[in-house]
């Protein structure tokens, strides 16, 4: 029978786990899982001589499993990210560990900083490091134009083009009867408020060409009718696109939006 060294911290708990390990070593069944014994502290090496060799081997395997528990948890969290599965997450975590000083530590520091400081702009819904994002705080962006987008990813896509010089309004989604998303769940009331309080000359509806996106665009147009000029992004043949590869809806939209040369 295994016994713990008297007078050491957690001696009773150590004796409990070593006793169960010895019992499992004499049986044909698997060793008990460490989790079934509670959150027991690490067993000092001085206790191991009082256990059988088979028990020591089982204990060593359990210690090895518990030592990578945090890495497994990191892989599991990484696998929840968009575009990453369990296999990609394992490769990413392994690469980060191998590049600890170059990637892992700086990444951890940046993630902690962003977690502490990132917040939603109270005016437009963009993500920034202050109560008001850089775009809303820039007086040069007060051109009287507001571009309405579905989410922050669409805003960033518009910014990458470097073409639009006005301000944005992020709805946070689209109207959806199926998902029970109404105007109050979006930032549509805030948009109506901005049009009434800011010197807005034109609202550009840059919403996705989906059923929910177009439904949301029509609803916003009804809410702002007569208050401001309303426009939407052009739809049709993309630059570099070939007609043979376009769907019927895109070709129809391109024909309806044709213009003189």
C-alpha atoms as a PDB file:
ATOM      1  CA  UNK A   1       0.000   0.000   0.000  1.00  0.00           C
ATOM      2  CA  UNK A   2       1.240   3.459  -0.822  1.00  0.00           C
ATOM      3  CA  UNK A   3       1.865   5.837   2.050  1.00  0.00           C
ATOM      4  CA  UNK A   4       2.673   9.550   2.174  1.00  0.00           C
ATOM      5  CA  UNK A   5       5.513  11.117   4.052  1.00  0.00           C
ATOM      6  CA  UNK A   6       4.206  12.385   7.358  1.00  0.00           C
ATOM      7  CA  UNK A   7       4.596  16.031   8.195  1.00  0.00           C
ATOM      8  CA  UNK A   8       4.530  17.274   4.614  1.00  0.00           C
ATOM      9  CA  UNK A   9       1.870  19.600   3.216  1.00  0.00           C
ATOM     10  CA  UNK A  10      -1.123  17.826   1.681  1.00  0.00           C
ATOM     11  CA  UNK A  11       0.145  14.478   2.901  1.00  0.00           C
ATOM     12  CA  UNK A  12      -3.390  13.137   3.227  1.00  0.00           C
ATOM     13  CA  UNK A  13      -4.276  14.094  -0.333  1.00  0.00           C
ATOM     14  CA  UNK A  14      -1.061  12.601  -1.645  1.00  0.00           C
ATOM     15  CA  UNK A  15      -1.802   9.371   0.167  1.00  0.00           C
ATOM     16  CA  UNK A  16      -5.272   9.307  -1.377  1.00  0.00           C
ATOM     17  CA  UNK A  17      -4.058   9.551  -4.977  1.00  0.00           C
ATOM     18  CA  UNK A  18      -1.145   7.162  -4.455  1.00  0.00           C
ATOM     19  CA  UNK A  19      -3.454   4.620  -2.809  1.00  0.00           C
ATOM     20  CA  UNK A  20      -5.840   4.732  -5.759  1.00  0.00           C
ATOM     21  CA  UNK A  21      -2.960   4.406  -8.178  1.00  0.00           C
ATOM     22  CA  UNK A  22      -1.612   1.354  -6.348  1.00  0.00           C
ATOM     23  CA  UNK A  23      -5.083  -0.193  -6.345  1.00  0.00           C
ATOM     24  CA  UNK A  24      -5.419   0.405 -10.076  1.00  0.00           C
ATOM     25  CA  UNK A  25      -1.952  -1.054 -10.622  1.00  0.00           C
ATOM     26  CA  UNK A  26      -3.054  -4.376  -9.108  1.00  0.00           C
ATOM     27  CA  UNK A  27      -6.240  -4.472 -11.195  1.00  0.00           C
ATOM     28  CA  UNK A  28      -6.719  -5.019 -14.908  1.00  0.00           C
ATOM     29  CA  UNK A  29      -8.698  -1.802 -15.424  1.00  0.00           C
ATOM     30  CA  UNK A  30      -7.292   1.560 -16.471  1.00  0.00           C
ATOM     31  CA  UNK A  31      -5.790   3.984 -14.028  1.00  0.00           C
ATOM     32  CA  UNK A  32      -8.235   6.454 -12.483  1.00  0.00           C
ATOM     33  CA  UNK A  33      -8.375   9.823 -14.189  1.00  0.00           C
ATOM     34  CA  UNK A  34      -6.632  12.612 -12.315  1.00  0.00           C
ATOM     35  CA  UNK A  35      -9.785  14.761 -12.611  1.00  0.00           C
ATOM     36  CA  UNK A  36     -11.777  12.232 -10.538  1.00  0.00           C
ATOM     37  CA  UNK A  37      -9.511  12.856  -7.570  1.00  0.00           C
ATOM     38  CA  UNK A  38     -10.227  16.575  -7.422  1.00  0.00           C
ATOM     39  CA  UNK A  39      -7.784  19.415  -7.759  1.00  0.00           C
ATOM     40  CA  UNK A  40      -4.983  17.694  -5.912  1.00  0.00           C
ATOM     41  CA  UNK A  41      -1.593  19.398  -5.637  1.00  0.00           C
ATOM     42  CA  UNK A  42       1.470  18.036  -7.385  1.00  0.00           C
ATOM     43  CA  UNK A  43       2.943  15.018  -5.637  1.00  0.00           C
ATOM     44  CA  UNK A  44       6.563  15.598  -4.533  1.00  0.00           C
ATOM     45  CA  UNK A  45       9.178  13.276  -5.934  1.00  0.00           C
ATOM     46  CA  UNK A  46       9.997  12.233  -2.351  1.00  0.00           C
ATOM     47  CA  UNK A  47       6.696  10.366  -2.201  1.00  0.00           C
ATOM     48  CA  UNK A  48       7.348   8.245  -5.276  1.00  0.00           C
ATOM     49  CA  UNK A  49       9.738   5.713  -3.651  1.00  0.00           C
ATOM     50  CA  UNK A  50       6.789   4.536  -1.544  1.00  0.00           C
ATOM     51  CA  UNK A  51       4.861   3.449  -4.636  1.00  0.00           C
ATOM     52  CA  UNK A  52       5.315   0.460  -6.911  1.00  0.00           C
ATOM     53  CA  UNK A  53       7.134   0.904 -10.256  1.00  0.00           C
ATOM     54  CA  UNK A  54       3.903   0.387 -12.216  1.00  0.00           C
ATOM     55  CA  UNK A  55       2.247   3.055 -10.122  1.00  0.00           C
ATOM     56  CA  UNK A  56       5.139   5.451 -10.691  1.00  0.00           C
ATOM     57  CA  UNK A  57       4.789   4.961 -14.461  1.00  0.00           C
ATOM     58  CA  UNK A  58       1.059   5.633 -14.321  1.00  0.00           C
ATOM     59  CA  UNK A  59       1.645   8.722 -12.204  1.00  0.00           C
ATOM     60  CA  UNK A  60       4.267   9.999 -14.621  1.00  0.00           C
ATOM     61  CA  UNK A  61       1.864   9.621 -17.549  1.00  0.00           C
ATOM     62  CA  UNK A  62      -0.819  11.508 -15.640  1.00  0.00           C
ATOM     63  CA  UNK A  63       1.668  14.264 -14.815  1.00  0.00           C
ATOM     64  CA  UNK A  64       2.625  14.566 -18.477  1.00  0.00           C
ATOM     65  CA  UNK A  65      -1.039  14.865 -19.482  1.00  0.00           C
ATOM     66  CA  UNK A  66      -1.706  17.552 -16.893  1.00  0.00           C
ATOM     67  CA  UNK A  67       1.412  19.484 -17.923  1.00  0.00           C
ATOM     68  CA  UNK A  68       0.042  20.124 -21.442  1.00  0.00           C
ATOM     69  CA  UNK A  69      -3.477  20.915 -20.293  1.00  0.00           C
ATOM     70  CA  UNK A  70      -2.970  24.641 -20.882  1.00  0.00           C
ATOM     71  CA  UNK A  71      -1.629  24.004 -24.393  1.00  0.00           C
ATOM     72  CA  UNK A  72      -4.656  21.839 -25.183  1.00  0.00           C
ATOM     73  CA  UNK A  73      -6.923  24.602 -23.894  1.00  0.00           C
ATOM     74  CA  UNK A  74      -5.137  27.131 -26.125  1.00  0.00           C
ATOM     75  CA  UNK A  75      -5.589  24.873 -29.155  1.00  0.00           C
ATOM     76  CA  UNK A  76      -9.270  24.496 -28.341  1.00  0.00           C
ATOM     77  CA  UNK A  77      -9.709  28.275 -28.077  1.00  0.00           C
ATOM     78  CA  UNK A  78      -7.813  28.865 -31.334  1.00  0.00           C
ATOM     79  CA  UNK A  79     -10.023  26.320 -33.102  1.00  0.00           C
ATOM     80  CA  UNK A  80     -13.048  28.498 -32.297  1.00  0.00           C
ATOM     81  CA  UNK A  81     -11.706  31.342 -34.443  1.00  0.00           C
ATOM     82  CA  UNK A  82     -13.249  31.855 -37.906  1.00  0.00           C
ATOM     83  CA  UNK A  83     -11.358  29.964 -40.584  1.00  0.00           C
ATOM     84  CA  UNK A  84      -9.491  27.730 -38.125  1.00  0.00           C
ATOM     85  CA  UNK A  85     -10.254  24.117 -37.325  1.00  0.00           C
ATOM     86  CA  UNK A  86      -8.585  21.783 -34.809  1.00  0.00           C
ATOM     87  CA  UNK A  87      -5.782  20.832 -37.199  1.00  0.00           C
ATOM     88  CA  UNK A  88      -5.019  24.424 -38.230  1.00  0.00           C
ATOM     89  CA  UNK A  89      -5.178  25.496 -34.587  1.00  0.00           C
ATOM     90  CA  UNK A  90      -2.621  22.853 -33.593  1.00  0.00           C
ATOM     91  CA  UNK A  91      -0.242  23.984 -36.323  1.00  0.00           C
ATOM     92  CA  UNK A  92      -0.672  27.618 -35.336  1.00  0.00           C
ATOM     93  CA  UNK A  93      -0.066  26.949 -31.636  1.00  0.00           C
ATOM     94  CA  UNK A  94       2.979  24.803 -32.367  1.00  0.00           C
ATOM     95  CA  UNK A  95       4.404  27.547 -34.593  1.00  0.00           C
ATOM     96  CA  UNK A  96       3.797  30.154 -31.887  1.00  0.00           C
ATOM     97  CA  UNK A  97       5.545  28.037 -29.264  1.00  0.00           C
ATOM     98  CA  UNK A  98       8.539  27.491 -31.530  1.00  0.00           C
ATOM     99  CA  UNK A  99       8.700  31.260 -32.158  1.00  0.00           C
ATOM    100  CA  UNK A 100       8.108  32.175 -28.541  1.00  0.00           C
ATOM    101  CA  UNK A 101      10.182  35.369 -28.392  1.00  0.00           C
ATOM    102  CA  UNK A 102       9.376  36.512 -31.919  1.00  0.00           C
ATOM    103  CA  UNK A 103       5.628  35.774 -32.053  1.00  0.00           C
ATOM    104  CA  UNK A 104       4.050  34.227 -28.954  1.00  0.00           C
ATOM    105  CA  UNK A 105       5.100  36.761 -26.330  1.00  0.00           C
ATOM    106  CA  UNK A 106       4.435  39.888 -28.457  1.00  0.00           C
ATOM    107  CA  UNK A 107       1.096  38.418 -29.564  1.00  0.00           C
ATOM    108  CA  UNK A 108       0.068  37.722 -25.979  1.00  0.00           C
ATOM    109  CA  UNK A 109       1.005  41.259 -24.954  1.00  0.00           C
ATOM    110  CA  UNK A 110      -0.929  42.806 -27.851  1.00  0.00           C
ATOM    111  CA  UNK A 111      -3.978  40.654 -27.196  1.00  0.00           C
ATOM    112  CA  UNK A 112      -3.989  41.720 -23.568  1.00  0.00           C
ATOM    113  CA  UNK A 113      -3.685  45.380 -24.581  1.00  0.00           C
ATOM    114  CA  UNK A 114      -6.546  45.101 -27.069  1.00  0.00           C
ATOM    115  CA  UNK A 115      -8.677  43.221 -24.542  1.00  0.00           C
ATOM    116  CA  UNK A 116      -8.163  46.048 -22.047  1.00  0.00           C
ATOM    117  CA  UNK A 117      -8.639  49.013 -24.396  1.00  0.00           C
ATOM    118  CA  UNK A 118     -10.745  48.035 -27.439  1.00  0.00           C
ATOM    119  CA  UNK A 119     -14.273  49.407 -27.394  1.00  0.00           C
ATOM    120  CA  UNK A 120     -17.143  50.316 -29.674  1.00  0.00           C
ATOM    121  CA  UNK A 121     -17.414  53.886 -30.897  1.00  0.00           C
ATOM    122  CA  UNK A 122     -20.440  55.497 -29.297  1.00  0.00           C
ATOM    123  CA  UNK A 123     -21.162  57.498 -32.444  1.00  0.00           C
ATOM    124  CA  UNK A 124     -20.811  55.147 -35.421  1.00  0.00           C
ATOM    125  CA  UNK A 125     -20.241  51.657 -33.971  1.00  0.00           C
ATOM    126  CA  UNK A 126     -16.696  51.238 -35.275  1.00  0.00           C
ATOM    127  CA  UNK A 127     -14.067  49.486 -33.137  1.00  0.00           C
ATOM    128  CA  UNK A 128     -11.344  51.685 -31.673  1.00  0.00           C
ATOM    129  CA  UNK A 129      -9.321  52.376 -28.572  1.00  0.00           C
ATOM    130  CA  UNK A 130     -11.375  55.351 -27.334  1.00  0.00           C
ATOM    131  CA  UNK A 131     -14.991  56.292 -26.783  1.00  0.00           C
ATOM    132  CA  UNK A 132     -14.913  58.010 -30.201  1.00  0.00           C
ATOM    133  CA  UNK A 133     -13.079  56.301 -33.056  1.00  0.00           C
ATOM    134  CA  UNK A 134     -10.393  58.021 -35.123  1.00  0.00           C
ATOM    135  CA  UNK A 135     -12.714  58.465 -38.121  1.00  0.00           C
ATOM    136  CA  UNK A 136     -15.417  60.254 -36.148  1.00  0.00           C
ATOM    137  CA  UNK A 137     -12.811  62.326 -34.301  1.00  0.00           C
ATOM    138  CA  UNK A 138     -11.164  63.501 -37.547  1.00  0.00           C
ATOM    139  CA  UNK A 139     -12.705  66.842 -38.614  1.00  0.00           C
ATOM    140  CA  UNK A 140     -11.566  66.221 -42.188  1.00  0.00           C
ATOM    141  CA  UNK A 141     -14.065  63.335 -42.402  1.00  0.00           C
ATOM    142  CA  UNK A 142     -17.000  65.690 -41.719  1.00  0.00           C
ATOM    143  CA  UNK A 143     -17.892  65.938 -45.405  1.00  0.00           C
ATOM    144  CA  UNK A 144     -21.645  65.553 -44.975  1.00  0.00           C
ATOM    145  CA  UNK A 145     -21.507  61.933 -46.209  1.00  0.00           C
ATOM    146  CA  UNK A 146     -22.418  58.885 -44.115  1.00  0.00           C
ATOM    147  CA  UNK A 147     -21.806  55.393 -45.485  1.00  0.00           C
ATOM    148  CA  UNK A 148     -24.048  52.798 -43.838  1.00  0.00           C
ATOM    149  CA  UNK A 149     -22.539  49.297 -43.554  1.00  0.00           C
ATOM    150  CA  UNK A 150     -23.659  46.068 -41.952  1.00  0.00           C
ATOM    151  CA  UNK A 151     -20.688  45.390 -39.675  1.00  0.00           C
ATOM    152  CA  UNK A 152     -17.177  46.569 -38.865  1.00  0.00           C
ATOM    153  CA  UNK A 153     -15.602  44.186 -41.392  1.00  0.00           C
ATOM    154  CA  UNK A 154     -17.461  46.022 -44.165  1.00  0.00           C
ATOM    155  CA  UNK A 155     -16.216  49.353 -42.821  1.00  0.00           C
ATOM    156  CA  UNK A 156     -12.635  48.113 -42.903  1.00  0.00           C
ATOM    157  CA  UNK A 157     -13.139  46.888 -46.467  1.00  0.00           C
ATOM    158  CA  UNK A 158     -14.344  50.338 -47.532  1.00  0.00           C
ATOM    159  CA  UNK A 159     -11.387  51.965 -45.801  1.00  0.00           C
ATOM    160  CA  UNK A 160      -8.923  49.704 -47.618  1.00  0.00           C
ATOM    161  CA  UNK A 161     -10.100  51.136 -50.934  1.00  0.00           C
ATOM    162  CA  UNK A 162      -9.052  54.628 -49.786  1.00  0.00           C
ATOM    163  CA  UNK A 163     -11.866  56.149 -51.876  1.00  0.00           C
ATOM    164  CA  UNK A 164     -14.500  57.170 -49.356  1.00  0.00           C
ATOM    165  CA  UNK A 165     -13.568  60.242 -47.291  1.00  0.00           C
ATOM    166  CA  UNK A 166     -16.708  60.652 -45.202  1.00  0.00           C
ATOM    167  CA  UNK A 167     -17.913  58.960 -42.030  1.00  0.00           C
ATOM    168  CA  UNK A 168     -19.575  55.619 -41.409  1.00  0.00           C
ATOM    169  CA  UNK A 169     -22.473  54.119 -39.536  1.00  0.00           C
ATOM    170  CA  UNK A 170     -22.301  50.445 -38.530  1.00  0.00           C
ATOM    171  CA  UNK A 171     -25.716  48.822 -38.138  1.00  0.00           C
ATOM    172  CA  UNK A 172     -24.465  45.698 -36.409  1.00  0.00           C
ATOM    173  CA  UNK A 173     -26.444  43.365 -38.668  1.00  0.00           C
ATOM    174  CA  UNK A 174     -29.507  43.348 -40.907  1.00  0.00           C
ATOM    175  CA  UNK A 175     -33.229  43.031 -40.359  1.00  0.00           C
ATOM    176  CA  UNK A 176     -34.294  39.412 -40.191  1.00  0.00           C
ATOM    177  CA  UNK A 177     -37.766  38.146 -39.307  1.00  0.00           C
ATOM    178  CA  UNK A 178     -36.413  34.594 -39.085  1.00  0.00           C
ATOM    179  CA  UNK A 179     -33.802  35.546 -36.478  1.00  0.00           C
ATOM    180  CA  UNK A 180     -36.167  38.029 -34.795  1.00  0.00           C
ATOM    181  CA  UNK A 181     -33.854  40.977 -35.471  1.00  0.00           C
ATOM    182  CA  UNK A 182     -35.777  44.233 -35.633  1.00  0.00           C
ATOM    183  CA  UNK A 183     -34.796  47.905 -35.964  1.00  0.00           C
ATOM    184  CA  UNK A 184     -34.330  48.266 -32.203  1.00  0.00           C
ATOM    185  CA  UNK A 185     -31.715  45.494 -32.183  1.00  0.00           C
ATOM    186  CA  UNK A 186     -29.726  47.400 -34.808  1.00  0.00           C
ATOM    187  CA  UNK A 187     -28.358  50.942 -34.810  1.00  0.00           C
ATOM    188  CA  UNK A 188     -31.065  52.292 -37.114  1.00  0.00           C
ATOM    189  CA  UNK A 189     -32.556  54.705 -34.506  1.00  0.00           C
ATOM    190  CA  UNK A 190     -29.048  56.090 -33.919  1.00  0.00           C
ATOM    191  CA  UNK A 191     -28.670  56.653 -37.675  1.00  0.00           C
ATOM    192  CA  UNK A 192     -31.928  58.614 -37.804  1.00  0.00           C
ATOM    193  CA  UNK A 193     -30.689  60.650 -34.837  1.00  0.00           C
ATOM    194  CA  UNK A 194     -27.367  61.414 -36.539  1.00  0.00           C
ATOM    195  CA  UNK A 195     -29.106  62.591 -39.697  1.00  0.00           C
ATOM    196  CA  UNK A 196     -31.194  64.969 -37.596  1.00  0.00           C
ATOM    197  CA  UNK A 197     -28.333  66.367 -35.507  1.00  0.00           C
ATOM    198  CA  UNK A 198     -25.336  66.325 -37.871  1.00  0.00           C
ATOM    199  CA  UNK A 199     -24.953  68.242 -41.122  1.00  0.00           C
ATOM    200  CA  UNK A 200     -25.584  65.211 -43.316  1.00  0.00           C
ATOM    201  CA  UNK A 201     -26.200  65.804 -47.021  1.00  0.00           C
ATOM    202  CA  UNK A 202     -26.161  62.214 -48.275  1.00  0.00           C
ATOM    203  CA  UNK A 203     -26.507  58.724 -46.846  1.00  0.00           C
ATOM    204  CA  UNK A 204     -24.889  55.932 -48.870  1.00  0.00           C
ATOM    205  CA  UNK A 205     -26.400  52.510 -48.244  1.00  0.00           C
ATOM    206  CA  UNK A 206     -23.491  50.088 -48.693  1.00  0.00           C
ATOM    207  CA  UNK A 207     -25.334  46.944 -47.612  1.00  0.00           C
ATOM    208  CA  UNK A 208     -24.839  43.456 -48.953  1.00  0.00           C
ATOM    209  CA  UNK A 209     -26.867  42.416 -51.995  1.00  0.00           C
ATOM    210  CA  UNK A 210     -28.832  39.797 -50.038  1.00  0.00           C
ATOM    211  CA  UNK A 211     -32.529  39.559 -49.221  1.00  0.00           C
ATOM    212  CA  UNK A 212     -31.946  40.765 -45.651  1.00  0.00           C
ATOM    213  CA  UNK A 213     -29.539  43.457 -46.821  1.00  0.00           C
ATOM    214  CA  UNK A 214     -31.964  44.881 -49.377  1.00  0.00           C
ATOM    215  CA  UNK A 215     -34.859  44.661 -46.902  1.00  0.00           C
ATOM    216  CA  UNK A 216     -32.810  46.686 -44.434  1.00  0.00           C
ATOM    217  CA  UNK A 217     -31.922  49.222 -47.128  1.00  0.00           C
ATOM    218  CA  UNK A 218     -35.588  49.735 -48.035  1.00  0.00           C
ATOM    219  CA  UNK A 219     -36.530  50.144 -44.365  1.00  0.00           C
ATOM    220  CA  UNK A 220     -33.825  52.779 -43.834  1.00  0.00           C
ATOM    221  CA  UNK A 221     -34.931  54.572 -46.996  1.00  0.00           C
ATOM    222  CA  UNK A 222     -38.477  54.761 -45.605  1.00  0.00           C
ATOM    223  CA  UNK A 223     -37.215  56.120 -42.279  1.00  0.00           C
ATOM    224  CA  UNK A 224     -35.087  58.834 -43.899  1.00  0.00           C
ATOM    225  CA  UNK A 225     -37.370  59.730 -46.785  1.00  0.00           C
ATOM    226  CA  UNK A 226     -37.468  63.504 -47.325  1.00  0.00           C
ATOM    227  CA  UNK A 227     -34.721  64.190 -44.755  1.00  0.00           C
ATOM    228  CA  UNK A 228     -31.567  63.512 -46.758  1.00  0.00           C
ATOM    229  CA  UNK A 229     -30.381  62.308 -50.158  1.00  0.00           C
ATOM    230  CA  UNK A 230     -30.201  58.517 -50.317  1.00  0.00           C
ATOM    231  CA  UNK A 231     -27.961  56.503 -52.624  1.00  0.00           C
ATOM    232  CA  UNK A 232     -26.737  52.902 -52.803  1.00  0.00           C
ATOM    233  CA  UNK A 233     -23.679  51.207 -54.204  1.00  0.00           C
ATOM    234  CA  UNK A 234     -23.813  50.274 -57.877  1.00  0.00           C
ATOM    235  CA  UNK A 235     -24.297  46.601 -58.694  1.00  0.00           C
ATOM    236  CA  UNK A 236     -23.254  44.756 -61.811  1.00  0.00           C
ATOM    237  CA  UNK A 237     -20.215  43.415 -63.620  1.00  0.00           C
ATOM    238  CA  UNK A 238     -17.100  43.537 -61.416  1.00  0.00           C
ATOM    239  CA  UNK A 239     -13.823  44.903 -62.736  1.00  0.00           C
ATOM    240  CA  UNK A 240     -12.062  42.097 -64.583  1.00  0.00           C
ATOM    241  CA  UNK A 241     -15.188  39.948 -64.584  1.00  0.00           C
ATOM    242  CA  UNK A 242     -16.294  37.866 -67.564  1.00  0.00           C
ATOM    243  CA  UNK A 243     -19.967  37.608 -68.478  1.00  0.00           C
ATOM    244  CA  UNK A 244     -19.774  33.851 -68.952  1.00  0.00           C
ATOM    245  CA  UNK A 245     -18.983  33.402 -65.256  1.00  0.00           C
ATOM    246  CA  UNK A 246     -21.614  35.804 -63.850  1.00  0.00           C
ATOM    247  CA  UNK A 247     -24.915  34.676 -62.392  1.00  0.00           C
ATOM    248  CA  UNK A 248     -28.247  35.768 -63.836  1.00  0.00           C
ATOM    249  CA  UNK A 249     -28.984  38.215 -61.016  1.00  0.00           C
ATOM    250  CA  UNK A 250     -25.701  40.064 -61.505  1.00  0.00           C
ATOM    251  CA  UNK A 251     -26.229  40.345 -65.265  1.00  0.00           C
ATOM    252  CA  UNK A 252     -29.759  41.643 -64.722  1.00  0.00           C
ATOM    253  CA  UNK A 253     -28.548  44.256 -62.220  1.00  0.00           C
ATOM    254  CA  UNK A 254     -25.795  45.328 -64.624  1.00  0.00           C
ATOM    255  CA  UNK A 255     -28.286  45.775 -67.473  1.00  0.00           C
ATOM    256  CA  UNK A 256     -30.662  47.790 -65.305  1.00  0.00           C
ATOM    257  CA  UNK A 257     -27.803  50.048 -64.117  1.00  0.00           C
ATOM    258  CA  UNK A 258     -26.288  50.624 -67.572  1.00  0.00           C
ATOM    259  CA  UNK A 259     -25.063  54.131 -68.368  1.00  0.00           C
ATOM    260  CA  UNK A 260     -24.077  56.121 -71.404  1.00  0.00           C
ATOM    261  CA  UNK A 261     -20.437  56.223 -72.458  1.00  0.00           C
END
